[in-house]
């Protein structure tokens, strides 16, 4: 085949030489394009792998922060519930203490009222006796 190409170059016209040059140049260009395409594809694949690694790291970081935030939120809600329950118990205790105090005061007032009524009766009787004594004189 090389002999035929050399024979065409020596006996052919400049157009044949130019055609052979174009074929040779085209084949080199195709090889260079194939090489560039392979390099580009390899670089894209490398970037995809790096990007996937970075995305995975970001996803893990995001999940970690989300978990920490959720844990903190649950802790705050739990503390609020505990505080609310403690306040409810304190209010209930204070209400019961106040109710018991009111009941004791009510009993004391009734006792005082009864005692005053008895004293009032005694004073009335004593006044009546004094009036009778004074009337007898």
N, C-alpha and C. Protein backbone atom coordinates (compact mmCIF):
# COMPACT_ATOMS: atom_id res chain seq x y z
N UNK A 1 0.81 -1.19 0.00
CA UNK A 1 0.00 0.00 0.00
C UNK A 1 0.86 1.26 0.00
N UNK A 2 1.95 1.24 0.78
CA UNK A 2 2.85 2.40 0.79
C UNK A 2 3.47 2.60 -0.60
N UNK A 3 3.74 1.49 -1.29
CA UNK A 3 4.31 1.58 -2.64
C UNK A 3 3.34 2.27 -3.58
N UNK A 4 2.09 1.94 -3.44
CA UNK A 4 1.07 2.56 -4.30
C UNK A 4 0.97 4.04 -4.01
N UNK A 5 1.07 4.43 -2.72
CA UNK A 5 0.98 5.85 -2.36
C UNK A 5 2.18 6.59 -2.93
N UNK A 6 3.37 5.98 -2.83
CA UNK A 6 4.57 6.63 -3.36
C UNK A 6 4.47 6.76 -4.88
N UNK A 7 3.95 5.71 -5.52
CA UNK A 7 3.80 5.76 -6.99
C UNK A 7 2.81 6.84 -7.37
N UNK A 8 1.73 7.00 -6.65
CA UNK A 8 0.74 8.05 -6.94
C UNK A 8 1.36 9.43 -6.74
N UNK A 9 2.19 9.59 -5.72
CA UNK A 9 2.79 10.90 -5.44
C UNK A 9 3.79 11.29 -6.54
N UNK A 10 4.57 10.32 -6.96
CA UNK A 10 5.58 10.63 -7.97
C UNK A 10 4.98 10.79 -9.36
N UNK A 11 3.98 10.04 -9.68
CA UNK A 11 3.42 10.12 -11.02
C UNK A 11 2.14 10.95 -11.08
N UNK A 12 1.57 11.26 -9.95
CA UNK A 12 0.29 11.96 -9.95
C UNK A 12 0.45 13.47 -9.93
N UNK A 13 -0.65 14.09 -9.98
CA UNK A 13 -0.67 15.54 -9.98
C UNK A 13 -0.62 16.08 -8.55
N UNK A 14 -0.42 17.37 -8.41
CA UNK A 14 -0.42 17.96 -7.07
C UNK A 14 -1.73 17.76 -6.34
N UNK A 15 -2.80 17.57 -7.05
CA UNK A 15 -4.11 17.34 -6.41
C UNK A 15 -4.12 16.02 -5.68
N UNK A 16 -3.44 15.03 -6.20
CA UNK A 16 -3.37 13.73 -5.54
C UNK A 16 -2.59 13.88 -4.25
N UNK A 17 -1.47 14.64 -4.31
CA UNK A 17 -0.67 14.86 -3.10
C UNK A 17 -1.51 15.60 -2.05
N UNK A 18 -2.26 16.59 -2.52
CA UNK A 18 -3.11 17.35 -1.60
C UNK A 18 -4.19 16.46 -1.00
N UNK A 19 -4.79 15.57 -1.76
CA UNK A 19 -5.83 14.65 -1.27
C UNK A 19 -5.25 13.71 -0.22
N UNK A 20 -4.02 13.20 -0.49
CA UNK A 20 -3.38 12.31 0.47
C UNK A 20 -3.09 13.08 1.76
N UNK A 21 -2.62 14.35 1.62
CA UNK A 21 -2.37 15.17 2.80
C UNK A 21 -3.65 15.36 3.60
N UNK A 22 -4.76 15.63 2.93
CA UNK A 22 -6.04 15.83 3.61
C UNK A 22 -6.48 14.57 4.35
N UNK A 23 -6.29 13.41 3.75
CA UNK A 23 -6.65 12.14 4.39
C UNK A 23 -5.81 11.94 5.64
N UNK A 24 -4.46 12.17 5.45
CA UNK A 24 -3.55 12.02 6.60
C UNK A 24 -3.90 13.00 7.72
N UNK A 25 -4.17 14.24 7.37
CA UNK A 25 -4.51 15.28 8.36
C UNK A 25 -5.84 14.94 9.06
N UNK A 26 -6.78 14.45 8.29
CA UNK A 26 -8.09 14.09 8.88
C UNK A 26 -7.93 12.95 9.88
N UNK A 27 -7.09 11.94 9.52
CA UNK A 27 -6.92 10.81 10.44
C UNK A 27 -6.23 11.27 11.72
N UNK A 28 -5.24 12.19 11.63
CA UNK A 28 -4.58 12.74 12.84
C UNK A 28 -5.58 13.54 13.69
N UNK A 29 -6.40 14.32 13.02
CA UNK A 29 -7.40 15.11 13.75
C UNK A 29 -8.38 14.21 14.48
N UNK A 30 -8.79 13.12 13.82
CA UNK A 30 -9.72 12.19 14.48
C UNK A 30 -9.07 11.55 15.69
N UNK A 31 -7.77 11.17 15.56
CA UNK A 31 -7.07 10.58 16.70
C UNK A 31 -6.99 11.60 17.85
N UNK A 32 -6.66 12.87 17.51
CA UNK A 32 -6.56 13.91 18.54
C UNK A 32 -7.93 14.16 19.19
N UNK A 33 -8.99 14.19 18.37
CA UNK A 33 -10.34 14.38 18.92
C UNK A 33 -10.74 13.21 19.82
N UNK A 34 -10.39 11.99 19.38
CA UNK A 34 -10.68 10.81 20.21
C UNK A 34 -9.95 10.91 21.55
N UNK A 35 -8.68 11.35 21.49
CA UNK A 35 -7.90 11.51 22.72
C UNK A 35 -8.52 12.59 23.61
N UNK A 36 -8.88 13.72 23.04
CA UNK A 36 -9.52 14.80 23.81
C UNK A 36 -10.86 14.35 24.39
N UNK A 37 -11.62 13.61 23.60
CA UNK A 37 -12.91 13.12 24.06
C UNK A 37 -12.72 12.18 25.24
N UNK A 38 -11.70 11.29 25.15
CA UNK A 38 -11.41 10.35 26.24
C UNK A 38 -10.98 11.12 27.49
N UNK A 39 -10.11 12.13 27.32
CA UNK A 39 -9.68 12.95 28.46
C UNK A 39 -10.88 13.69 29.09
N UNK A 40 -11.72 14.26 28.22
CA UNK A 40 -12.90 14.98 28.71
C UNK A 40 -13.83 14.04 29.48
N UNK A 41 -14.08 12.86 28.91
CA UNK A 41 -14.95 11.89 29.57
C UNK A 41 -14.37 11.45 30.91
N UNK A 42 -13.05 11.21 30.94
CA UNK A 42 -12.40 10.83 32.21
C UNK A 42 -12.52 11.96 33.23
N UNK A 43 -12.31 13.19 32.81
CA UNK A 43 -12.40 14.34 33.73
C UNK A 43 -13.83 14.51 34.24
N UNK A 44 -14.80 14.35 33.35
CA UNK A 44 -16.21 14.44 33.77
C UNK A 44 -16.53 13.36 34.79
N UNK A 45 -16.07 12.14 34.53
CA UNK A 45 -16.31 11.05 35.47
C UNK A 45 -15.64 11.33 36.82
N UNK A 46 -14.42 11.88 36.79
CA UNK A 46 -13.73 12.24 38.03
C UNK A 46 -14.52 13.31 38.78
N UNK A 47 -14.98 14.33 38.06
CA UNK A 47 -15.77 15.39 38.70
C UNK A 47 -17.08 14.86 39.28
N UNK A 48 -17.69 13.92 38.55
CA UNK A 48 -18.93 13.31 39.06
C UNK A 48 -18.65 12.58 40.37
N UNK A 49 -17.56 11.83 40.42
CA UNK A 49 -17.21 11.10 41.64
C UNK A 49 -16.91 12.07 42.78
N UNK A 50 -16.10 13.13 42.48
CA UNK A 50 -15.80 14.14 43.51
C UNK A 50 -17.07 14.83 43.98
N UNK A 51 -17.93 15.18 43.02
CA UNK A 51 -19.18 15.86 43.36
C UNK A 51 -20.06 14.95 44.22
N UNK A 52 -20.12 13.67 43.87
CA UNK A 52 -20.93 12.73 44.65
C UNK A 52 -20.39 12.65 46.07
N UNK A 53 -19.06 12.63 46.21
CA UNK A 53 -18.45 12.58 47.54
C UNK A 53 -18.81 13.84 48.33
N UNK A 54 -18.69 14.99 47.67
CA UNK A 54 -19.03 16.25 48.34
C UNK A 54 -20.51 16.31 48.70
N UNK A 55 -21.36 15.88 47.79
CA UNK A 55 -22.81 15.88 48.07
C UNK A 55 -23.12 14.95 49.22
N UNK A 56 -22.49 13.77 49.24
CA UNK A 56 -22.70 12.84 50.34
C UNK A 56 -22.24 13.46 51.67
N UNK A 57 -21.08 14.15 51.64
CA UNK A 57 -20.58 14.79 52.86
C UNK A 57 -21.54 15.89 53.31
N UNK A 58 -22.03 16.68 52.36
CA UNK A 58 -23.00 17.74 52.70
C UNK A 58 -24.29 17.14 53.25
N UNK A 59 -24.73 16.05 52.64
CA UNK A 59 -25.96 15.40 53.09
C UNK A 59 -25.79 14.87 54.52
N UNK A 60 -24.63 14.26 54.79
CA UNK A 60 -24.37 13.76 56.15
C UNK A 60 -24.30 14.92 57.13
N UNK A 61 -23.61 16.00 56.74
CA UNK A 61 -23.51 17.19 57.60
C UNK A 61 -24.90 17.77 57.88
N UNK A 62 -25.71 17.86 56.83
CA UNK A 62 -27.08 18.37 56.99
C UNK A 62 -27.89 17.47 57.91
N UNK A 63 -27.78 16.18 57.72
CA UNK A 63 -28.52 15.22 58.55
C UNK A 63 -28.07 15.32 60.00
N UNK A 64 -26.76 15.48 60.22
CA UNK A 64 -26.23 15.61 61.58
C UNK A 64 -26.78 16.86 62.25
N UNK A 65 -26.77 17.99 61.51
CA UNK A 65 -27.31 19.23 62.09
C UNK A 65 -28.81 19.11 62.34
N UNK A 66 -29.52 18.47 61.42
CA UNK A 66 -30.96 18.28 61.59
C UNK A 66 -31.25 17.41 62.82
N UNK A 67 -30.47 16.35 62.99
CA UNK A 67 -30.64 15.48 64.16
C UNK A 67 -30.35 16.24 65.45
N UNK A 68 -29.29 17.05 65.44
CA UNK A 68 -28.94 17.85 66.63
C UNK A 68 -30.05 18.84 66.94
N UNK A 69 -30.59 19.47 65.91
CA UNK A 69 -31.68 20.42 66.10
C UNK A 69 -32.93 19.71 66.63
N UNK A 70 -33.24 18.54 66.08
CA UNK A 70 -34.40 17.78 66.54
C UNK A 70 -34.22 17.36 68.00
N UNK A 71 -33.00 16.90 68.35
CA UNK A 71 -32.73 16.51 69.74
C UNK A 71 -32.89 17.70 70.67
N UNK A 72 -32.37 18.86 70.28
CA UNK A 72 -32.49 20.07 71.10
C UNK A 72 -33.95 20.45 71.25
N UNK A 73 -34.71 20.39 70.16
CA UNK A 73 -36.13 20.73 70.20
C UNK A 73 -36.87 19.79 71.15
N UNK A 74 -36.58 18.49 71.06
CA UNK A 74 -37.24 17.53 71.94
C UNK A 74 -36.86 17.79 73.39
N UNK A 75 -35.62 18.18 73.62
CA UNK A 75 -35.18 18.49 74.98
C UNK A 75 -35.92 19.71 75.53
N UNK A 76 -36.05 20.73 74.71
CA UNK A 76 -36.76 21.95 75.14
C UNK A 76 -38.23 21.64 75.39
N UNK A 77 -38.85 20.89 74.49
CA UNK A 77 -40.26 20.55 74.68
C UNK A 77 -40.44 19.71 75.94
N UNK A 78 -39.54 18.77 76.17
CA UNK A 78 -39.60 17.94 77.38
C UNK A 78 -39.46 18.80 78.63
N UNK A 79 -38.53 19.75 78.59
CA UNK A 79 -38.33 20.64 79.75
C UNK A 79 -39.58 21.50 79.98
N UNK A 80 -40.17 21.99 78.90
CA UNK A 80 -41.39 22.79 79.03
C UNK A 80 -42.53 21.96 79.63
N UNK A 81 -42.65 20.72 79.19
CA UNK A 81 -43.69 19.85 79.73
C UNK A 81 -43.44 19.58 81.21
N UNK A 82 -42.19 19.36 81.57
CA UNK A 82 -41.85 19.13 82.98
C UNK A 82 -42.17 20.37 83.81
N UNK A 83 -41.78 21.54 83.31
CA UNK A 83 -42.07 22.79 84.02
C UNK A 83 -43.57 23.01 84.18
N UNK A 84 -44.32 22.72 83.12
CA UNK A 84 -45.77 22.90 83.17
C UNK A 84 -46.40 21.95 84.19
N UNK A 85 -45.95 20.70 84.19
CA UNK A 85 -46.49 19.74 85.15
C UNK A 85 -46.15 20.16 86.58
N UNK A 86 -44.93 20.67 86.77
CA UNK A 86 -44.52 21.11 88.11
C UNK A 86 -45.37 22.33 88.54
N UNK A 87 -45.62 23.25 87.62
CA UNK A 87 -46.45 24.42 87.95
C UNK A 87 -47.88 23.97 88.26
N UNK A 88 -48.39 23.01 87.50
CA UNK A 88 -49.74 22.51 87.77
C UNK A 88 -49.81 21.90 89.16
N UNK A 89 -48.79 21.11 89.54
CA UNK A 89 -48.76 20.51 90.88
C UNK A 89 -48.69 21.60 91.96
N UNK A 90 -47.86 22.62 91.71
CA UNK A 90 -47.72 23.71 92.68
C UNK A 90 -49.05 24.46 92.82
N UNK A 91 -49.70 24.74 91.73
CA UNK A 91 -51.00 25.43 91.77
C UNK A 91 -52.02 24.57 92.50
N UNK A 92 -52.05 23.28 92.21
CA UNK A 92 -52.99 22.38 92.87
C UNK A 92 -52.72 22.35 94.37
N UNK A 93 -51.43 22.25 94.74
CA UNK A 93 -51.06 22.24 96.15
C UNK A 93 -51.47 23.55 96.83
N UNK A 94 -51.20 24.67 96.17
CA UNK A 94 -51.57 25.97 96.74
C UNK A 94 -53.09 26.10 96.85
N UNK A 95 -53.80 25.59 95.85
CA UNK A 95 -55.27 25.65 95.89
C UNK A 95 -55.79 24.81 97.05
N UNK A 96 -55.24 23.62 97.22
CA UNK A 96 -55.67 22.76 98.33
C UNK A 96 -55.36 23.40 99.68
N UNK A 97 -54.16 23.99 99.80
CA UNK A 97 -53.78 24.66 101.05
C UNK A 97 -54.72 25.84 101.32
N UNK A 98 -55.00 26.61 100.29
CA UNK A 98 -55.91 27.75 100.45
C UNK A 98 -57.30 27.28 100.83
N UNK A 99 -57.76 26.21 100.20
CA UNK A 99 -59.08 25.67 100.52
C UNK A 99 -59.13 25.19 101.96
N UNK A 100 -58.08 24.51 102.41
CA UNK A 100 -58.04 24.05 103.80
C UNK A 100 -58.02 25.24 104.77
N UNK A 101 -57.26 26.28 104.41
CA UNK A 101 -57.21 27.47 105.26
C UNK A 101 -58.58 28.14 105.32
N UNK A 102 -59.25 28.23 104.19
CA UNK A 102 -60.59 28.82 104.16
C UNK A 102 -61.54 27.99 105.02
N UNK A 103 -61.46 26.68 104.94
CA UNK A 103 -62.33 25.82 105.74
C UNK A 103 -62.05 26.02 107.23
N UNK A 104 -60.76 26.09 107.61
CA UNK A 104 -60.41 26.32 109.03
C UNK A 104 -60.91 27.68 109.49
N UNK A 105 -60.74 28.68 108.62
CA UNK A 105 -61.23 30.02 108.97
C UNK A 105 -62.75 30.02 109.10
N UNK A 106 -63.41 29.31 108.23
CA UNK A 106 -64.87 29.22 108.28
C UNK A 106 -65.32 28.58 109.60
N UNK A 107 -64.63 27.50 109.98
CA UNK A 107 -64.95 26.82 111.25
C UNK A 107 -64.67 27.77 112.41
N UNK A 108 -63.55 28.50 112.35
CA UNK A 108 -63.21 29.44 113.42
C UNK A 108 -64.24 30.56 113.49
N UNK A 109 -64.67 31.05 112.34
CA UNK A 109 -65.69 32.11 112.32
C UNK A 109 -67.00 31.60 112.89
N UNK A 110 -67.37 30.37 112.52
CA UNK A 110 -68.60 29.79 113.08
C UNK A 110 -68.47 29.64 114.58
N UNK A 111 -67.30 29.20 115.05
CA UNK A 111 -67.07 29.05 116.49
C UNK A 111 -67.14 30.39 117.18
N UNK A 112 -66.51 31.41 116.59
CA UNK A 112 -66.58 32.75 117.16
C UNK A 112 -68.01 33.28 117.15
N UNK A 113 -68.72 33.00 116.09
CA UNK A 113 -70.11 33.46 115.99
C UNK A 113 -70.95 32.81 117.08
N UNK A 114 -70.74 31.52 117.28
CA UNK A 114 -71.46 30.80 118.33
C UNK A 114 -71.09 31.37 119.69
N UNK A 115 -69.79 31.59 119.91
CA UNK A 115 -69.33 32.14 121.19
C UNK A 115 -69.90 33.53 121.40
N UNK A 116 -69.91 34.35 120.37
CA UNK A 116 -70.50 35.70 120.48
C UNK A 116 -71.99 35.64 120.77
N UNK A 117 -72.63 34.70 120.11
CA UNK A 117 -74.08 34.56 120.37
C UNK A 117 -74.30 34.16 121.82
N UNK A 118 -73.48 33.24 122.32
CA UNK A 118 -73.62 32.82 123.72
C UNK A 118 -73.31 33.99 124.66
N UNK A 119 -72.26 34.72 124.34
CA UNK A 119 -71.92 35.88 125.17
C UNK A 119 -73.02 36.91 125.12
N UNK A 120 -73.57 37.10 123.94
CA UNK A 120 -74.67 38.06 123.81
C UNK A 120 -75.85 37.64 124.66
N UNK A 121 -76.13 36.33 124.65
CA UNK A 121 -77.22 35.83 125.49
C UNK A 121 -76.92 36.06 126.96
N UNK A 122 -75.71 35.76 127.39
CA UNK A 122 -75.31 35.96 128.79
C UNK A 122 -75.42 37.44 129.17
N UNK A 123 -74.90 38.30 128.25
CA UNK A 123 -74.99 39.73 128.55
C UNK A 123 -76.44 40.14 128.65
N UNK A 124 -77.27 39.62 127.80
CA UNK A 124 -78.71 39.94 127.84
C UNK A 124 -79.30 39.46 129.16
N UNK A 125 -78.97 38.26 129.57
CA UNK A 125 -79.48 37.73 130.82
C UNK A 125 -78.96 38.55 132.00
N UNK A 126 -77.67 38.88 131.90
CA UNK A 126 -77.09 39.68 132.98
C UNK A 126 -77.76 41.05 133.04
N UNK A 127 -77.98 41.64 131.89
CA UNK A 127 -78.67 42.93 131.86
C UNK A 127 -80.08 42.81 132.45
N UNK A 128 -80.73 41.72 132.12
CA UNK A 128 -82.08 41.50 132.65
C UNK A 128 -82.02 41.36 134.18
N UNK A 129 -81.05 40.63 134.67
CA UNK A 129 -80.92 40.44 136.12
C UNK A 129 -80.61 41.78 136.78
N UNK A 130 -79.72 42.55 136.13
CA UNK A 130 -79.38 43.86 136.70
C UNK A 130 -80.61 44.75 136.71
N UNK A 131 -81.36 44.72 135.64
CA UNK A 131 -82.57 45.53 135.57
C UNK A 131 -83.58 45.10 136.67
N UNK A 132 -83.72 43.80 136.91
CA UNK A 132 -84.61 43.32 137.96
C UNK A 132 -84.13 43.74 139.34
N UNK A 133 -82.82 43.66 139.50
CA UNK A 133 -82.26 44.05 140.80
C UNK A 133 -82.50 45.55 141.01
N UNK A 134 -82.26 46.31 140.01
CA UNK A 134 -82.45 47.76 140.12
C UNK A 134 -83.92 48.09 140.29
N UNK A 135 -84.78 47.37 139.72
CA UNK A 135 -86.21 47.60 139.86
C UNK A 135 -86.67 47.27 141.26
N UNK A 136 -86.07 46.32 141.90
CA UNK A 136 -86.43 45.91 143.24
C UNK A 136 -85.95 47.00 144.23
N UNK A 137 -85.09 47.70 144.01
CA UNK A 137 -84.58 48.68 144.93
C UNK A 137 -85.40 49.83 144.96
